[in-house]
Protein backbone atom coordinates (compact mmCIF):
# COMPACT_ATOMS: atom_id res chain seq x y z
CA MET A 1 0.07 0.08 0.09
CA ALA A 2 1.60 3.32 -0.95
CA GLU A 3 2.19 5.80 1.71
CA ALA A 4 -0.69 8.28 2.88
CA TYR A 5 0.38 12.05 3.52
CA HIS A 6 -1.94 13.80 5.21
CA GLN A 7 -2.12 17.35 6.00
CA VAL A 8 -0.78 18.99 8.91
CA GLN A 9 -0.47 22.36 11.16
CA PHE A 10 1.95 24.38 9.83
CA LYS A 11 5.47 24.20 12.27
CA ALA A 12 8.05 26.80 11.78
CA PRO A 13 11.45 25.16 10.55
CA PRO A 14 14.30 24.91 12.82
CA GLY A 15 16.25 28.18 13.00
CA SER A 16 13.28 30.53 12.75
CA THR A 17 12.30 33.24 15.13
CA GLN A 18 8.83 33.62 16.30
CA VAL A 19 7.43 37.29 17.19
CA ILE A 20 3.66 37.28 18.35
CA LEU A 21 2.43 40.91 18.18
CA VAL A 22 -0.37 41.82 20.55
CA ARG A 23 -2.42 45.20 19.83
CA HIS A 24 -3.06 46.94 23.37
CA GLY A 25 -6.25 46.79 24.61
CA ALA A 26 -8.97 49.28 23.94
CA SER A 27 -7.57 52.79 25.72
CA ALA A 28 -9.63 55.52 27.42
CA PRO A 29 -11.95 57.62 24.98
CA ALA A 30 -11.13 60.37 23.22
CA VAL A 31 -12.96 63.52 24.72
CA SER A 32 -12.74 66.79 22.47
CA GLY A 33 -11.02 69.62 24.34
CA GLU A 34 -9.36 67.09 26.79
CA PRO A 35 -6.10 65.98 25.15
CA PHE A 36 -4.24 62.90 26.01
CA PRO A 37 -1.32 63.11 28.05
CA LEU A 38 1.88 62.82 25.77
CA LEU A 39 4.92 60.69 26.30
CA ASP A 40 7.85 61.95 23.90
CA GLY A 41 5.19 63.67 21.65
CA HIS A 42 2.80 60.60 21.62
CA GLY A 43 -0.48 60.48 23.10
CA ASP A 44 -0.33 58.36 26.22
CA PRO A 45 -3.75 57.42 27.19
CA PRO A 46 -4.26 54.43 30.00
CA LEU A 47 -6.61 51.26 29.24
CA ALA A 48 -10.26 51.69 29.46
CA PRO A 49 -12.02 49.36 31.85
CA GLU A 50 -13.02 46.89 28.94
CA GLY A 51 -9.19 47.06 28.02
CA GLU A 52 -8.12 45.83 31.28
CA ALA A 53 -10.64 42.63 30.99
CA GLN A 54 -8.94 42.28 27.33
CA ALA A 55 -5.56 42.16 28.77
CA GLY A 56 -6.48 39.60 31.15
CA ALA A 57 -7.84 37.47 28.13
CA VAL A 58 -4.58 37.79 26.30
CA ALA A 59 -2.62 36.58 29.10
CA ALA A 60 -5.12 33.63 29.60
CA ARG A 61 -4.44 32.85 25.93
CA LEU A 62 -0.64 33.16 25.81
CA ARG A 63 0.37 31.95 29.20
CA SER A 64 0.90 28.33 28.05
CA GLU A 65 2.86 29.09 24.98
CA PRO A 66 6.85 28.73 24.97
CA ILE A 67 7.56 32.24 25.57
CA GLU A 68 11.14 33.50 26.37
CA HIS A 69 11.01 37.50 25.93
CA ILE A 70 8.37 40.15 26.39
CA PHE A 71 8.43 43.77 24.73
CA PHE A 72 6.25 46.79 25.16
CA THR A 73 6.55 50.23 23.78
CA GLY A 74 6.79 52.39 26.71
CA LEU A 75 3.45 53.94 26.17
CA LYS A 76 0.98 53.29 28.86
CA ARG A 77 -1.61 51.00 27.36
CA THR A 78 1.30 48.47 25.99
CA ALA A 79 2.35 48.51 29.45
CA GLN A 80 -0.65 47.79 31.11
CA THR A 81 -1.68 45.28 28.26
CA ALA A 82 1.11 42.96 28.92
CA ALA A 83 1.08 43.50 32.69
CA PRO A 84 -1.26 40.22 33.28
CA LEU A 85 1.30 38.19 30.94
CA VAL A 86 4.51 39.76 32.59
CA GLU A 87 2.89 38.47 35.83
CA ALA A 88 1.91 34.94 34.78
CA LEU A 89 5.19 34.40 33.47
CA GLY A 90 7.47 36.35 35.51
CA LEU A 91 9.53 37.67 32.89
CA GLU A 92 11.02 41.30 32.54
CA PRO A 93 9.63 43.10 29.85
CA VAL A 94 11.92 45.16 27.66
CA GLU A 95 10.97 48.51 26.51
CA VAL A 96 11.64 49.05 22.25
CA PRO A 97 10.52 52.82 22.03
CA GLU A 98 10.89 52.17 18.31
CA LEU A 99 7.60 50.56 18.02
CA ARG A 100 5.60 53.01 19.22
CA GLU A 101 2.61 54.05 17.43
CA ILE A 102 3.00 56.36 14.13
CA PHE A 103 3.47 59.98 15.05
CA LEU A 104 0.37 61.88 14.04
CA GLY A 105 1.92 65.39 14.28
CA GLU A 106 -1.27 67.90 14.79
CA TRP A 107 -3.61 64.78 15.28
CA GLU A 108 -2.10 63.55 18.51
CA ALA A 109 -3.36 62.95 21.74
CA GLY A 110 -6.82 61.85 20.74
CA GLU A 111 -7.55 64.28 17.80
CA PHE A 112 -7.10 61.51 15.04
CA ARG A 113 -9.90 59.10 16.73
CA ILE A 114 -12.17 62.18 17.06
CA ARG A 115 -11.48 63.50 13.23
CA MET A 116 -11.69 59.72 11.95
CA ARG A 117 -15.22 59.20 13.58
CA GLN A 118 -16.25 62.44 12.20
CA GLY A 119 -15.35 61.52 8.80
CA ASP A 120 -12.79 64.60 8.41
CA PRO A 121 -12.09 65.35 4.74
CA ILE A 122 -8.19 64.87 5.39
CA ALA A 123 -8.79 61.70 7.59
CA MET A 124 -10.50 60.28 4.74
CA GLN A 125 -7.85 61.45 2.26
CA THR A 126 -5.36 59.31 4.96
CA ILE A 127 -7.29 56.29 4.05
CA ALA A 128 -7.64 57.04 0.34
CA GLN A 129 -3.88 57.44 -0.35
CA GLU A 130 -2.73 54.86 2.34
CA ARG A 131 -0.39 57.56 3.81
CA TRP A 132 -0.35 58.86 7.46
CA ASP A 133 1.82 61.96 6.05
CA VAL A 134 -1.15 63.36 4.88
CA ILE A 135 -1.87 64.34 8.20
CA PRO A 136 -0.32 67.98 9.18
CA GLY A 137 3.31 67.64 10.93
CA ALA A 138 2.86 63.66 10.87
CA GLU A 139 5.71 61.39 10.67
CA SER A 140 6.67 60.80 6.98
CA MET A 141 6.13 57.31 5.93
CA GLU A 142 10.02 56.69 4.87
CA SER A 143 10.84 57.48 8.35
CA PHE A 144 8.13 55.56 9.80
CA SER A 145 8.74 52.37 7.90
CA ALA A 146 12.44 52.54 8.80
CA ARG A 147 12.20 52.93 12.88
CA VAL A 148 9.69 50.28 12.70
CA SER A 149 12.29 47.92 10.72
CA ALA A 150 14.85 48.59 13.07
CA GLY A 151 12.63 48.07 16.18
CA PHE A 152 11.59 44.52 14.95
CA GLU A 153 15.03 43.66 13.91
CA LYS A 154 16.21 44.36 17.48
CA ILE A 155 13.33 42.14 19.04
CA VAL A 156 14.26 39.40 16.58
CA GLU A 157 18.15 39.39 17.41
CA ALA A 158 17.36 39.58 21.19
CA THR A 159 14.92 36.75 20.94
CA GLY A 160 17.33 34.54 18.65
CA PRO A 161 16.59 31.46 16.57
CA ASP A 162 14.08 28.76 17.88
CA ASN A 163 12.61 31.39 20.23
CA THR A 164 9.34 33.01 20.69
CA ALA A 165 8.65 36.56 21.73
CA VAL A 166 5.72 38.73 22.33
CA ALA A 167 5.53 42.37 21.63
CA PHE A 168 2.59 44.41 22.81
CA VAL A 169 2.31 47.35 20.33
CA HIS A 170 -0.10 49.37 18.44
CA GLY A 171 -2.22 48.78 15.30
CA GLY A 172 -0.41 51.00 13.10
CA ILE A 173 2.80 49.16 13.96
CA ILE A 174 1.28 45.82 13.13
CA GLY A 175 -0.26 47.23 10.21
CA GLU A 176 3.33 48.19 9.11
CA LEU A 177 5.13 44.90 10.10
CA ALA A 178 2.44 42.88 8.17
CA HIS A 179 2.85 45.37 5.31
CA GLN A 180 6.52 44.89 5.24
CA ALA A 181 6.35 40.70 5.86
CA THR A 182 4.04 40.60 2.87
CA SER A 183 5.22 43.49 0.46
CA SER A 184 1.38 44.41 0.36
CA ARG A 185 -0.18 47.68 -0.01
CA PRO A 186 0.74 50.12 2.78
CA PHE A 187 -2.56 49.91 4.35
CA ALA A 188 -3.75 46.42 3.59
CA PHE A 189 -3.17 45.36 7.27
CA VAL A 190 -4.10 48.57 9.17
CA HIS A 191 -6.56 47.82 11.23
CA ALA A 192 -5.92 45.03 13.67
CA ASP A 193 -8.31 44.70 16.48
CA ASN A 194 -7.62 45.95 20.23
CA ALA A 195 -6.09 42.81 21.93
CA SER A 196 -5.70 40.87 19.00
CA ILE A 197 -2.71 38.60 18.11
CA THR A 198 -0.94 38.32 14.95
CA ARG A 199 2.34 36.22 14.30
CA ILE A 200 5.34 36.52 12.32
CA VAL A 201 7.93 34.18 11.50
CA VAL A 202 11.22 35.27 10.58
CA PHE A 203 13.26 32.03 8.67
CA PRO A 204 16.99 31.58 8.96
CA GLY A 205 18.44 34.02 6.59
CA GLY A 206 15.48 36.76 7.41
CA ARG A 207 12.59 36.12 5.18
CA GLN A 208 9.70 36.76 7.32
CA MET A 209 6.23 35.33 7.03
CA LEU A 210 2.83 36.28 8.25
CA HIS A 211 1.39 33.32 9.85
CA ARG A 212 -1.69 34.66 11.54
CA PHE A 213 -3.30 38.26 11.45
CA ASN A 214 -6.13 39.86 14.03
CA ASP A 215 -6.47 36.67 15.67
CA ALA A 216 -9.23 37.60 18.36
CA THR A 217 -11.02 34.50 19.09
CA HIS A 218 -9.81 34.50 22.94
CA LEU A 219 -12.19 37.88 23.32
CA GLU A 220 -15.01 36.44 22.14
């Protein structure tokens, strides 16, 4: 009888590095006339109560995985989302400021969220052109791409082959990393849900594969 070859689940080849990207939980609501606090120019709101619940769900989902390193961006919402997993695994989180959210210039501190919800014409132009720097004073696409790539490389080098890391980051960062991994349109992966999980596998030699995007089954 001929040997039968069944389909199997994906398994990263030897020497690969796996990076689990977690978008922070839902943050405090933006309110007109009440800008968020800033950290190095970036809006720095805390998690909303629902975001804290989402952080617990992330920890419950990931605590049994073979995770060797935890990274966060230094912004409050990523630190708070990481906290339950940090406690569960007893790992010391490492800050990677290169992976802070896209700098939105005049629309920082909650203004971007407000204008998007109001259908501001420039906000709509940002989506249509797939460029953040349509926003007045926003970070250039070239600068954003370079710093995100550098931050991700820092994580890969610190994690090493045959190991897995978790990085608690932001929606724009996940969209950019998925874009870089797939050579897709700039905004093809721009909206990952709060507390969702995205997985990138880095093969020996540096080639990347987007293994999973916007997995939120632990929140259902």
